[in-house]
Amino acid sequence: HSFVGTALSTQGTVIDLELRSSTDSKGRSSSVYYPVVKFAPSSGEQTIFKSNTGSNPPAFTKGQQVEVLY
């Protein structure tokens, strides 16, 4: 909660969806899509980050505008 209260906000763009696969201890495999987002913080330098939260089906599409808190 403290991060959200003090974070700056800007618009970013989903530039890719990274597909990651994993296998659990019972041998079941699953695939999850993680958005890769590009944005420019107030310093103006372009920044790209890979989200550590993913989903299947993907929650975002390439080219989608998203709010970024930093």
N, C-alpha and C. Protein backbone atom coordinates (compact mmCIF):
# COMPACT_ATOMS: atom_id res chain seq x y z
N HIS A 1 0.82 -1.20 0.00
CA HIS A 1 0.00 0.00 0.00
C HIS A 1 0.86 1.25 0.00
N SER A 2 1.99 1.21 0.67
CA SER A 2 2.82 2.40 0.73
C SER A 2 3.40 2.73 -0.64
N PHE A 3 3.76 1.71 -1.45
CA PHE A 3 4.29 1.96 -2.79
C PHE A 3 3.26 2.69 -3.64
N VAL A 4 2.04 2.20 -3.65
CA VAL A 4 0.98 2.79 -4.48
C VAL A 4 0.73 4.24 -4.06
N GLY A 5 0.83 4.51 -2.79
CA GLY A 5 0.59 5.85 -2.29
C GLY A 5 1.66 6.85 -2.69
N THR A 6 2.88 6.39 -2.95
CA THR A 6 3.97 7.30 -3.28
C THR A 6 4.47 7.17 -4.72
N ALA A 7 3.97 6.19 -5.47
CA ALA A 7 4.46 5.93 -6.82
C ALA A 7 4.00 7.00 -7.81
N LEU A 8 4.82 7.21 -8.83
CA LEU A 8 4.45 8.05 -9.96
C LEU A 8 3.75 7.16 -10.99
N SER A 9 2.93 7.77 -11.84
CA SER A 9 2.16 7.02 -12.82
C SER A 9 2.43 7.56 -14.21
N THR A 10 2.49 6.66 -15.19
CA THR A 10 2.62 7.04 -16.59
C THR A 10 1.99 5.94 -17.44
N GLN A 11 1.86 6.21 -18.74
CA GLN A 11 1.32 5.21 -19.65
C GLN A 11 2.47 4.41 -20.26
N GLY A 12 2.24 3.12 -20.41
CA GLY A 12 3.19 2.24 -21.05
C GLY A 12 2.49 1.47 -22.15
N THR A 13 3.29 0.74 -22.93
CA THR A 13 2.75 -0.06 -24.03
C THR A 13 3.26 -1.49 -23.89
N VAL A 14 2.34 -2.44 -24.00
CA VAL A 14 2.73 -3.85 -24.00
C VAL A 14 3.39 -4.12 -25.35
N ILE A 15 4.69 -4.45 -25.34
CA ILE A 15 5.41 -4.66 -26.59
C ILE A 15 5.59 -6.14 -26.92
N ASP A 16 5.36 -7.00 -25.94
CA ASP A 16 5.50 -8.44 -26.19
C ASP A 16 4.79 -9.20 -25.08
N LEU A 17 4.51 -10.47 -25.34
CA LEU A 17 3.98 -11.38 -24.34
C LEU A 17 4.94 -12.56 -24.28
N GLU A 18 5.64 -12.69 -23.18
CA GLU A 18 6.63 -13.75 -23.04
C GLU A 18 5.96 -15.01 -22.51
N LEU A 19 6.06 -16.09 -23.27
CA LEU A 19 5.46 -17.36 -22.88
C LEU A 19 6.48 -18.15 -22.07
N ARG A 20 6.11 -18.51 -20.85
CA ARG A 20 6.98 -19.33 -20.00
C ARG A 20 6.23 -20.61 -19.65
N SER A 21 6.94 -21.71 -19.76
CA SER A 21 6.36 -23.02 -19.44
C SER A 21 7.04 -23.57 -18.20
N SER A 22 6.30 -24.32 -17.43
CA SER A 22 6.88 -24.96 -16.25
C SER A 22 6.19 -26.30 -16.04
N THR A 23 6.85 -27.14 -15.27
CA THR A 23 6.31 -28.45 -14.93
C THR A 23 6.29 -28.58 -13.42
N ASP A 24 5.15 -29.01 -12.89
CA ASP A 24 5.06 -29.14 -11.44
C ASP A 24 5.63 -30.49 -10.99
N SER A 25 5.59 -30.72 -9.70
CA SER A 25 6.20 -31.93 -9.12
C SER A 25 5.49 -33.22 -9.56
N LYS A 26 4.28 -33.11 -10.09
CA LYS A 26 3.54 -34.28 -10.57
C LYS A 26 3.70 -34.47 -12.08
N GLY A 27 4.58 -33.65 -12.71
CA GLY A 27 4.83 -33.79 -14.13
C GLY A 27 3.85 -33.08 -15.03
N ARG A 28 2.95 -32.28 -14.45
CA ARG A 28 1.98 -31.54 -15.26
C ARG A 28 2.63 -30.24 -15.73
N SER A 29 2.48 -29.94 -17.02
CA SER A 29 3.06 -28.72 -17.55
C SER A 29 1.98 -27.66 -17.72
N SER A 30 2.42 -26.42 -17.61
CA SER A 30 1.51 -25.29 -17.82
C SER A 30 2.29 -24.16 -18.49
N SER A 31 1.58 -23.32 -19.20
CA SER A 31 2.18 -22.18 -19.88
C SER A 31 1.48 -20.91 -19.41
N VAL A 32 2.28 -19.87 -19.20
CA VAL A 32 1.76 -18.60 -18.71
C VAL A 32 2.37 -17.47 -19.55
N TYR A 33 1.57 -16.46 -19.88
CA TYR A 33 2.02 -15.31 -20.65
C TYR A 33 2.31 -14.14 -19.71
N TYR A 34 3.52 -13.58 -19.85
CA TYR A 34 3.94 -12.44 -19.04
C TYR A 34 4.13 -11.23 -19.94
N PRO A 35 3.46 -10.12 -19.64
CA PRO A 35 3.61 -8.94 -20.50
C PRO A 35 4.99 -8.30 -20.35
N VAL A 36 5.51 -7.80 -21.47
CA VAL A 36 6.74 -7.00 -21.50
C VAL A 36 6.28 -5.59 -21.86
N VAL A 37 6.61 -4.62 -21.00
CA VAL A 37 6.07 -3.27 -21.11
C VAL A 37 7.19 -2.25 -21.31
N LYS A 38 6.96 -1.31 -22.22
CA LYS A 38 7.90 -0.20 -22.44
C LYS A 38 7.22 1.09 -21.98
N PHE A 39 7.97 1.90 -21.23
CA PHE A 39 7.44 3.19 -20.79
C PHE A 39 8.59 4.17 -20.60
N ALA A 40 8.24 5.44 -20.48
CA ALA A 40 9.23 6.48 -20.23
C ALA A 40 8.91 7.14 -18.90
N PRO A 41 9.76 6.94 -17.88
CA PRO A 41 9.56 7.62 -16.61
C PRO A 41 9.81 9.12 -16.77
N SER A 42 9.62 9.88 -15.72
CA SER A 42 9.78 11.33 -15.80
C SER A 42 11.18 11.74 -16.22
N SER A 43 12.17 10.86 -16.04
CA SER A 43 13.53 11.17 -16.48
C SER A 43 13.63 11.16 -18.00
N GLY A 44 12.65 10.56 -18.67
CA GLY A 44 12.59 10.56 -20.13
C GLY A 44 13.26 9.38 -20.79
N GLU A 45 14.04 8.60 -20.08
CA GLU A 45 14.75 7.47 -20.67
C GLU A 45 13.80 6.28 -20.80
N GLN A 46 13.69 5.72 -22.02
CA GLN A 46 12.83 4.57 -22.25
C GLN A 46 13.24 3.40 -21.35
N THR A 47 12.26 2.76 -20.76
CA THR A 47 12.50 1.62 -19.87
C THR A 47 11.62 0.46 -20.32
N ILE A 48 12.20 -0.73 -20.32
CA ILE A 48 11.45 -1.94 -20.66
C ILE A 48 11.54 -2.89 -19.47
N PHE A 49 10.39 -3.43 -19.06
CA PHE A 49 10.42 -4.42 -17.98
C PHE A 49 9.51 -5.59 -18.31
N LYS A 50 9.87 -6.74 -17.77
CA LYS A 50 9.05 -7.94 -17.88
C LYS A 50 8.30 -8.10 -16.57
N SER A 51 7.00 -8.19 -16.67
CA SER A 51 6.19 -8.36 -15.47
C SER A 51 6.49 -9.70 -14.81
N ASN A 52 6.41 -9.73 -13.51
CA ASN A 52 6.58 -11.00 -12.79
C ASN A 52 5.23 -11.64 -12.49
N THR A 53 4.17 -11.08 -13.07
CA THR A 53 2.83 -11.64 -12.94
C THR A 53 2.30 -11.97 -14.33
N GLY A 54 1.90 -13.21 -14.52
CA GLY A 54 1.40 -13.63 -15.81
C GLY A 54 0.08 -14.36 -15.69
N SER A 55 -0.49 -14.73 -16.85
CA SER A 55 -1.77 -15.43 -16.84
C SER A 55 -1.92 -16.23 -18.13
N ASN A 56 -2.87 -17.14 -18.12
CA ASN A 56 -3.25 -17.88 -19.30
C ASN A 56 -4.75 -18.10 -19.24
N PRO A 57 -5.52 -17.47 -20.14
CA PRO A 57 -5.07 -16.74 -21.32
C PRO A 57 -4.42 -15.41 -20.93
N PRO A 58 -3.68 -14.78 -21.87
CA PRO A 58 -3.01 -13.53 -21.55
C PRO A 58 -4.01 -12.44 -21.17
N ALA A 59 -3.65 -11.64 -20.17
CA ALA A 59 -4.53 -10.57 -19.71
C ALA A 59 -4.38 -9.31 -20.56
N PHE A 60 -3.34 -9.26 -21.40
CA PHE A 60 -3.06 -8.09 -22.22
C PHE A 60 -2.79 -8.52 -23.65
N THR A 61 -2.81 -7.55 -24.57
CA THR A 61 -2.46 -7.80 -25.96
C THR A 61 -1.31 -6.88 -26.37
N LYS A 62 -0.53 -7.32 -27.34
CA LYS A 62 0.55 -6.47 -27.85
C LYS A 62 -0.04 -5.16 -28.36
N GLY A 63 0.61 -4.07 -28.01
CA GLY A 63 0.15 -2.75 -28.43
C GLY A 63 -0.80 -2.09 -27.45
N GLN A 64 -1.28 -2.83 -26.46
CA GLN A 64 -2.22 -2.29 -25.49
C GLN A 64 -1.53 -1.27 -24.60
N GLN A 65 -2.23 -0.16 -24.33
CA GLN A 65 -1.75 0.86 -23.41
C GLN A 65 -2.13 0.45 -21.99
N VAL A 66 -1.17 0.57 -21.07
CA VAL A 66 -1.41 0.20 -19.68
C VAL A 66 -0.85 1.28 -18.76
N GLU A 67 -1.41 1.38 -17.58
CA GLU A 67 -0.89 2.29 -16.57
C GLU A 67 0.30 1.63 -15.88
N VAL A 68 1.37 2.39 -15.73
CA VAL A 68 2.57 1.90 -15.06
C VAL A 68 2.82 2.76 -13.83
N LEU A 69 3.00 2.11 -12.69
CA LEU A 69 3.39 2.80 -11.47
C LEU A 69 4.85 2.52 -11.22
N TYR A 70 5.62 3.57 -10.94
CA TYR A 70 7.05 3.38 -10.68
C TYR A 70 7.53 4.31 -9.59
